[in-house]
């Protein structure tokens, strides 16, 4: 709903949700408990993992 209120296009909303789901799937914790340290860990994983594209990180 927040993405719709921010007037993001449906494609942008899909991309954001795909990235959030990828982030959430990387950890075995409730999404609300993930914070700064987990974001850093995930970005490091995304940078060093050959399956992630560079545009995923940008």
N, C-alpha and C. Protein backbone atom coordinates (compact mmCIF):
# COMPACT_ATOMS: atom_id res chain seq x y z
N UNK A 1 0.81 -1.19 0.00
CA UNK A 1 0.00 0.00 0.00
C UNK A 1 0.86 1.26 0.00
N UNK A 2 1.93 1.29 0.79
CA UNK A 2 2.78 2.49 0.82
C UNK A 2 3.40 2.78 -0.54
N UNK A 3 3.75 1.74 -1.27
CA UNK A 3 4.31 1.96 -2.60
C UNK A 3 3.28 2.55 -3.54
N UNK A 4 2.05 2.13 -3.40
CA UNK A 4 0.98 2.71 -4.22
C UNK A 4 0.73 4.17 -3.84
N UNK A 5 0.76 4.46 -2.55
CA UNK A 5 0.54 5.83 -2.10
C UNK A 5 1.68 6.75 -2.55
N UNK A 6 2.88 6.19 -2.69
CA UNK A 6 4.02 6.96 -3.16
C UNK A 6 4.00 7.12 -4.68
N UNK A 7 3.00 6.57 -5.32
CA UNK A 7 2.77 6.66 -6.76
C UNK A 7 3.91 6.02 -7.56
N UNK A 8 4.40 4.89 -7.07
CA UNK A 8 5.36 4.12 -7.84
C UNK A 8 4.61 3.31 -8.87
N UNK A 9 5.22 3.11 -10.01
CA UNK A 9 4.59 2.31 -11.06
C UNK A 9 4.48 0.86 -10.60
N UNK A 10 3.57 0.10 -11.17
CA UNK A 10 3.45 -1.31 -10.82
C UNK A 10 4.76 -2.08 -11.02
N UNK A 11 5.52 -1.75 -12.07
CA UNK A 11 6.79 -2.43 -12.30
C UNK A 11 7.79 -2.12 -11.18
N UNK A 12 7.85 -0.87 -10.74
CA UNK A 12 8.74 -0.48 -9.64
C UNK A 12 8.30 -1.18 -8.36
N UNK A 13 7.01 -1.25 -8.11
CA UNK A 13 6.51 -1.95 -6.93
C UNK A 13 6.92 -3.41 -6.96
N UNK A 14 6.80 -4.06 -8.11
CA UNK A 14 7.20 -5.46 -8.25
C UNK A 14 8.69 -5.63 -7.99
N UNK A 15 9.50 -4.72 -8.53
CA UNK A 15 10.95 -4.80 -8.31
C UNK A 15 11.30 -4.64 -6.84
N UNK A 16 10.71 -3.65 -6.17
CA UNK A 16 10.97 -3.45 -4.75
C UNK A 16 10.58 -4.69 -3.95
N UNK A 17 9.43 -5.24 -4.23
CA UNK A 17 8.98 -6.41 -3.49
C UNK A 17 9.87 -7.62 -3.76
N UNK A 18 10.35 -7.75 -4.97
CA UNK A 18 11.26 -8.86 -5.29
C UNK A 18 12.55 -8.72 -4.49
N UNK A 19 13.07 -7.50 -4.37
CA UNK A 19 14.30 -7.26 -3.61
C UNK A 19 14.08 -7.49 -2.12
N UNK A 20 12.96 -7.05 -1.61
CA UNK A 20 12.64 -7.27 -0.19
C UNK A 20 12.51 -8.76 0.08
N UNK A 21 11.84 -9.48 -0.80
CA UNK A 21 11.69 -10.93 -0.63
C UNK A 21 13.03 -11.64 -0.69
N UNK A 22 13.92 -11.19 -1.55
CA UNK A 22 15.26 -11.78 -1.63
C UNK A 22 16.03 -11.52 -0.34
N UNK A 23 15.95 -10.30 0.16
CA UNK A 23 16.59 -9.93 1.43
C UNK A 23 16.03 -10.78 2.57
N UNK A 24 14.72 -10.86 2.65
CA UNK A 24 14.08 -11.63 3.72
C UNK A 24 14.42 -13.11 3.62
N UNK A 25 14.46 -13.63 2.40
CA UNK A 25 14.77 -15.04 2.21
C UNK A 25 16.19 -15.41 2.58
N UNK A 26 17.07 -14.43 2.62
CA UNK A 26 18.47 -14.68 2.97
C UNK A 26 18.64 -14.98 4.46
N UNK A 27 17.72 -14.50 5.27
CA UNK A 27 17.80 -14.66 6.72
C UNK A 27 16.65 -15.53 7.20
N UNK A 28 16.87 -16.22 8.30
CA UNK A 28 15.82 -17.06 8.89
C UNK A 28 15.25 -16.34 10.12
N UNK A 29 14.77 -15.11 9.89
CA UNK A 29 14.24 -14.28 10.97
C UNK A 29 13.02 -13.54 10.46
N UNK A 30 12.15 -13.10 11.38
CA UNK A 30 11.04 -12.24 10.95
C UNK A 30 11.58 -10.95 10.34
N UNK A 31 10.93 -10.47 9.32
CA UNK A 31 11.38 -9.27 8.61
C UNK A 31 11.53 -8.07 9.53
N UNK A 32 10.63 -7.92 10.47
CA UNK A 32 10.68 -6.77 11.39
C UNK A 32 11.90 -6.79 12.29
N UNK A 33 12.53 -7.94 12.46
CA UNK A 33 13.70 -8.02 13.34
C UNK A 33 15.00 -7.75 12.60
N UNK A 34 14.95 -7.58 11.28
CA UNK A 34 16.15 -7.34 10.50
C UNK A 34 16.46 -5.85 10.49
N UNK A 35 17.73 -5.52 10.63
CA UNK A 35 18.12 -4.12 10.71
C UNK A 35 19.39 -3.81 9.93
N UNK A 36 20.08 -2.80 10.38
CA UNK A 36 21.26 -2.26 9.72
C UNK A 36 22.33 -3.33 9.46
N UNK A 37 22.65 -4.12 10.48
CA UNK A 37 23.69 -5.14 10.32
C UNK A 37 23.31 -6.18 9.27
N UNK A 38 22.05 -6.57 9.26
CA UNK A 38 21.60 -7.54 8.26
C UNK A 38 21.61 -6.96 6.85
N UNK A 39 21.28 -5.69 6.73
CA UNK A 39 21.36 -5.04 5.41
C UNK A 39 22.80 -5.07 4.91
N UNK A 40 23.74 -4.74 5.78
CA UNK A 40 25.16 -4.76 5.39
C UNK A 40 25.60 -6.18 5.01
N UNK A 41 25.20 -7.16 5.79
CA UNK A 41 25.56 -8.56 5.49
C UNK A 41 24.98 -8.98 4.14
N UNK A 42 23.73 -8.61 3.90
CA UNK A 42 23.08 -8.99 2.65
C UNK A 42 23.74 -8.30 1.46
N UNK A 43 24.06 -7.01 1.60
CA UNK A 43 24.73 -6.31 0.50
C UNK A 43 26.09 -6.92 0.21
N UNK A 44 26.82 -7.31 1.26
CA UNK A 44 28.10 -7.98 1.04
C UNK A 44 27.89 -9.29 0.30
N UNK A 45 26.88 -10.03 0.72
CA UNK A 45 26.55 -11.28 0.04
C UNK A 45 26.21 -11.03 -1.43
N UNK A 46 25.41 -9.99 -1.68
CA UNK A 46 25.00 -9.69 -3.06
C UNK A 46 26.18 -9.27 -3.91
N UNK A 47 27.14 -8.57 -3.32
CA UNK A 47 28.32 -8.12 -4.07
C UNK A 47 29.24 -9.28 -4.39
N UNK A 48 29.36 -10.23 -3.47
CA UNK A 48 30.32 -11.33 -3.65
C UNK A 48 29.71 -12.56 -4.30
N UNK A 49 28.39 -12.63 -4.38
CA UNK A 49 27.71 -13.78 -4.98
C UNK A 49 27.61 -13.60 -6.49
N UNK A 50 28.12 -14.54 -7.27
CA UNK A 50 28.10 -14.37 -8.72
C UNK A 50 26.70 -14.39 -9.34
N UNK A 51 25.69 -14.87 -8.62
CA UNK A 51 24.34 -14.94 -9.18
C UNK A 51 23.59 -13.60 -9.15
N UNK A 52 24.11 -12.62 -8.43
CA UNK A 52 23.47 -11.31 -8.36
C UNK A 52 24.03 -10.41 -9.44
N UNK A 53 23.16 -9.66 -10.07
CA UNK A 53 23.62 -8.70 -11.07
C UNK A 53 23.98 -7.39 -10.39
N UNK A 54 24.79 -6.61 -11.05
CA UNK A 54 25.22 -5.33 -10.50
C UNK A 54 24.02 -4.39 -10.28
N UNK A 55 23.04 -4.43 -11.16
CA UNK A 55 21.89 -3.53 -11.01
C UNK A 55 21.03 -3.91 -9.80
N UNK A 56 21.15 -5.14 -9.30
CA UNK A 56 20.43 -5.53 -8.09
C UNK A 56 20.91 -4.70 -6.91
N UNK A 57 22.17 -4.35 -6.89
CA UNK A 57 22.78 -3.66 -5.75
C UNK A 57 22.58 -2.15 -5.86
N UNK A 58 22.45 -1.62 -7.05
CA UNK A 58 22.33 -0.17 -7.24
C UNK A 58 21.02 0.38 -6.73
